[in-house]
Amino acid sequence: MNDATQQRLITILAAGIAYLISQYVTDRLIDIPEERGIKDDVLEAVLKGATTATSTILASVLVRRLFRG
C-alpha cells in the first residue's frame, strides 16, 4: 500500500476514533452547564486537541500494523 493511501486510511480511521472518544468523554466526564463560560471553552478546546492527537496516533498504529510491508 502506498503512502498516500495509508494517509487517507489514517485520516478516515482517526475521524471515527475521535468521534467515539469524544462521545465517551462528553457522555461520561463532562457536565455541560446552562451558561458556558471561558473555562468551559478552554476545557472543550483541550479535550478536542487531546482527542484529535489520541485518535490520530491510534489510527496510525493500527494502519501500520495491519499493512506492514
N, C-alpha and C. Protein backbone atom coordinates (compact mmCIF):
# COMPACT_ATOMS: atom_id res chain seq x y z
N MET A 1 0.86 -1.17 0.00
CA MET A 1 0.00 0.00 0.00
C MET A 1 0.90 1.23 0.00
N ASN A 2 0.61 2.18 -0.87
CA ASN A 2 1.46 3.37 -0.94
C ASN A 2 1.16 4.36 0.19
N ASP A 3 2.02 5.35 0.35
CA ASP A 3 1.91 6.30 1.46
C ASP A 3 0.63 7.14 1.39
N ALA A 4 0.23 7.53 0.20
CA ALA A 4 -0.98 8.36 0.06
C ALA A 4 -2.22 7.60 0.51
N THR A 5 -2.30 6.34 0.15
CA THR A 5 -3.43 5.53 0.57
C THR A 5 -3.42 5.31 2.07
N GLN A 6 -2.24 5.07 2.63
CA GLN A 6 -2.14 4.92 4.08
C GLN A 6 -2.58 6.19 4.79
N GLN A 7 -2.18 7.35 4.29
CA GLN A 7 -2.56 8.62 4.91
C GLN A 7 -4.07 8.83 4.87
N ARG A 8 -4.69 8.48 3.73
CA ARG A 8 -6.15 8.60 3.63
C ARG A 8 -6.84 7.68 4.63
N LEU A 9 -6.35 6.46 4.73
CA LEU A 9 -6.93 5.50 5.66
C LEU A 9 -6.75 5.96 7.10
N ILE A 10 -5.59 6.49 7.43
CA ILE A 10 -5.34 7.02 8.78
C ILE A 10 -6.30 8.16 9.08
N THR A 11 -6.50 9.06 8.12
CA THR A 11 -7.40 10.20 8.32
C THR A 11 -8.83 9.74 8.58
N ILE A 12 -9.30 8.80 7.78
CA ILE A 12 -10.67 8.30 7.94
C ILE A 12 -10.83 7.56 9.26
N LEU A 13 -9.88 6.70 9.57
CA LEU A 13 -9.94 5.94 10.82
C LEU A 13 -9.81 6.86 12.03
N ALA A 14 -8.96 7.87 11.94
CA ALA A 14 -8.80 8.82 13.05
C ALA A 14 -10.09 9.58 13.31
N ALA A 15 -10.81 9.94 12.26
CA ALA A 15 -12.09 10.64 12.43
C ALA A 15 -13.09 9.76 13.18
N GLY A 16 -13.14 8.49 12.81
CA GLY A 16 -14.05 7.57 13.51
C GLY A 16 -13.68 7.37 14.96
N ILE A 17 -12.39 7.20 15.22
CA ILE A 17 -11.92 7.03 16.59
C ILE A 17 -12.18 8.29 17.40
N ALA A 18 -11.93 9.45 16.82
CA ALA A 18 -12.17 10.72 17.51
C ALA A 18 -13.63 10.86 17.89
N TYR A 19 -14.51 10.47 16.98
CA TYR A 19 -15.95 10.54 17.27
C TYR A 19 -16.29 9.66 18.47
N LEU A 20 -15.79 8.44 18.48
CA LEU A 20 -16.08 7.53 19.58
C LEU A 20 -15.53 8.04 20.90
N ILE A 21 -14.28 8.53 20.88
CA ILE A 21 -13.67 9.05 22.10
C ILE A 21 -14.44 10.27 22.61
N SER A 22 -14.78 11.19 21.71
CA SER A 22 -15.47 12.41 22.15
C SER A 22 -16.86 12.10 22.69
N GLN A 23 -17.55 11.12 22.10
CA GLN A 23 -18.86 10.73 22.63
C GLN A 23 -18.71 10.18 24.04
N TYR A 24 -17.71 9.34 24.26
CA TYR A 24 -17.47 8.77 25.57
C TYR A 24 -17.15 9.87 26.59
N VAL A 25 -16.25 10.76 26.22
CA VAL A 25 -15.81 11.81 27.14
C VAL A 25 -16.97 12.73 27.49
N THR A 26 -17.72 13.18 26.51
CA THR A 26 -18.82 14.11 26.79
C THR A 26 -19.94 13.45 27.56
N ASP A 27 -20.22 12.18 27.28
CA ASP A 27 -21.30 11.50 27.98
C ASP A 27 -20.94 11.14 29.42
N ARG A 28 -19.69 10.81 29.65
CA ARG A 28 -19.30 10.30 30.96
C ARG A 28 -18.61 11.30 31.87
N LEU A 29 -17.86 12.23 31.30
CA LEU A 29 -16.96 13.03 32.13
C LEU A 29 -17.30 14.51 32.21
N ILE A 30 -18.16 15.02 31.33
CA ILE A 30 -18.38 16.45 31.29
C ILE A 30 -19.83 16.78 31.60
N ASP A 31 -20.03 17.72 32.52
CA ASP A 31 -21.35 18.28 32.77
C ASP A 31 -21.44 19.60 32.04
N ILE A 32 -22.34 19.70 31.07
CA ILE A 32 -22.46 20.93 30.30
C ILE A 32 -23.42 21.86 31.05
N PRO A 33 -22.91 23.03 31.46
CA PRO A 33 -23.74 23.96 32.23
C PRO A 33 -24.74 24.70 31.34
N GLU A 34 -25.72 25.31 31.97
CA GLU A 34 -26.71 26.11 31.25
C GLU A 34 -26.03 27.26 30.51
N GLU A 35 -25.17 27.99 31.23
CA GLU A 35 -24.43 29.10 30.62
C GLU A 35 -22.95 28.74 30.60
N ARG A 36 -22.38 28.76 29.41
CA ARG A 36 -20.97 28.41 29.28
C ARG A 36 -20.11 29.63 29.53
N GLY A 37 -18.98 29.38 30.15
CA GLY A 37 -18.02 30.45 30.38
C GLY A 37 -16.71 30.14 29.68
N ILE A 38 -15.71 30.99 29.91
CA ILE A 38 -14.41 30.81 29.28
C ILE A 38 -13.77 29.51 29.72
N LYS A 39 -13.97 29.13 30.98
CA LYS A 39 -13.42 27.88 31.50
C LYS A 39 -13.96 26.69 30.70
N ASP A 40 -15.24 26.71 30.39
CA ASP A 40 -15.84 25.63 29.62
C ASP A 40 -15.29 25.59 28.19
N ASP A 41 -15.06 26.76 27.62
CA ASP A 41 -14.49 26.83 26.26
C ASP A 41 -13.06 26.31 26.23
N VAL A 42 -12.28 26.64 27.24
CA VAL A 42 -10.90 26.16 27.33
C VAL A 42 -10.88 24.64 27.51
N LEU A 43 -11.73 24.13 28.38
CA LEU A 43 -11.82 22.69 28.61
C LEU A 43 -12.20 21.97 27.31
N GLU A 44 -13.14 22.51 26.59
CA GLU A 44 -13.56 21.90 25.32
C GLU A 44 -12.40 21.88 24.31
N ALA A 45 -11.67 22.98 24.22
CA ALA A 45 -10.54 23.05 23.28
C ALA A 45 -9.45 22.05 23.65
N VAL A 46 -9.14 21.94 24.93
CA VAL A 46 -8.11 21.00 25.38
C VAL A 46 -8.55 19.56 25.10
N LEU A 47 -9.80 19.25 25.39
CA LEU A 47 -10.30 17.90 25.14
C LEU A 47 -10.33 17.57 23.65
N LYS A 48 -10.71 18.53 22.83
CA LYS A 48 -10.72 18.29 21.38
C LYS A 48 -9.30 18.07 20.86
N GLY A 49 -8.35 18.83 21.35
CA GLY A 49 -6.96 18.65 20.94
C GLY A 49 -6.43 17.29 21.37
N ALA A 50 -6.71 16.91 22.60
CA ALA A 50 -6.26 15.61 23.09
C ALA A 50 -6.94 14.47 22.33
N THR A 51 -8.22 14.63 22.04
CA THR A 51 -8.95 13.61 21.28
C THR A 51 -8.38 13.46 19.89
N THR A 52 -8.09 14.57 19.23
CA THR A 52 -7.53 14.53 17.88
C THR A 52 -6.16 13.85 17.88
N ALA A 53 -5.31 14.23 18.81
CA ALA A 53 -3.98 13.63 18.88
C ALA A 53 -4.06 12.14 19.17
N THR A 54 -4.87 11.76 20.13
CA THR A 54 -5.01 10.35 20.50
C THR A 54 -5.55 9.51 19.35
N SER A 55 -6.58 10.02 18.69
CA SER A 55 -7.19 9.26 17.60
C SER A 55 -6.24 9.12 16.42
N THR A 56 -5.46 10.14 16.14
CA THR A 56 -4.51 10.07 15.03
C THR A 56 -3.40 9.07 15.34
N ILE A 57 -2.91 9.07 16.56
CA ILE A 57 -1.88 8.11 16.95
C ILE A 57 -2.41 6.68 16.87
N LEU A 58 -3.60 6.45 17.42
CA LEU A 58 -4.19 5.11 17.37
C LEU A 58 -4.41 4.64 15.94
N ALA A 59 -4.95 5.52 15.10
CA ALA A 59 -5.20 5.16 13.70
C ALA A 59 -3.90 4.84 12.99
N SER A 60 -2.88 5.63 13.23
CA SER A 60 -1.59 5.40 12.59
C SER A 60 -0.99 4.06 12.99
N VAL A 61 -1.05 3.74 14.27
CA VAL A 61 -0.53 2.47 14.76
C VAL A 61 -1.31 1.31 14.15
N LEU A 62 -2.63 1.43 14.13
CA LEU A 62 -3.45 0.35 13.56
C LEU A 62 -3.15 0.12 12.08
N VAL A 63 -3.08 1.19 11.31
CA VAL A 63 -2.83 1.07 9.87
C VAL A 63 -1.45 0.48 9.62
N ARG A 64 -0.47 0.94 10.34
CA ARG A 64 0.88 0.42 10.12
C ARG A 64 1.00 -1.05 10.51
N ARG A 65 0.30 -1.45 11.55
CA ARG A 65 0.35 -2.87 11.96
C ARG A 65 -0.43 -3.75 10.98
N LEU A 66 -1.53 -3.23 10.47
CA LEU A 66 -2.33 -4.02 9.53
C LEU A 66 -1.65 -4.18 8.18
N PHE A 67 -0.92 -3.17 7.75
CA PHE A 67 -0.35 -3.17 6.42
C PHE A 67 1.18 -3.09 6.44
N ARG A 68 1.79 -3.88 7.27
CA ARG A 68 3.26 -3.93 7.30
C ARG A 68 3.74 -4.43 5.95
N GLY A 69 4.78 -3.79 5.49
CA GLY A 69 5.23 -4.28 4.21
C GLY A 69 6.46 -3.67 3.70
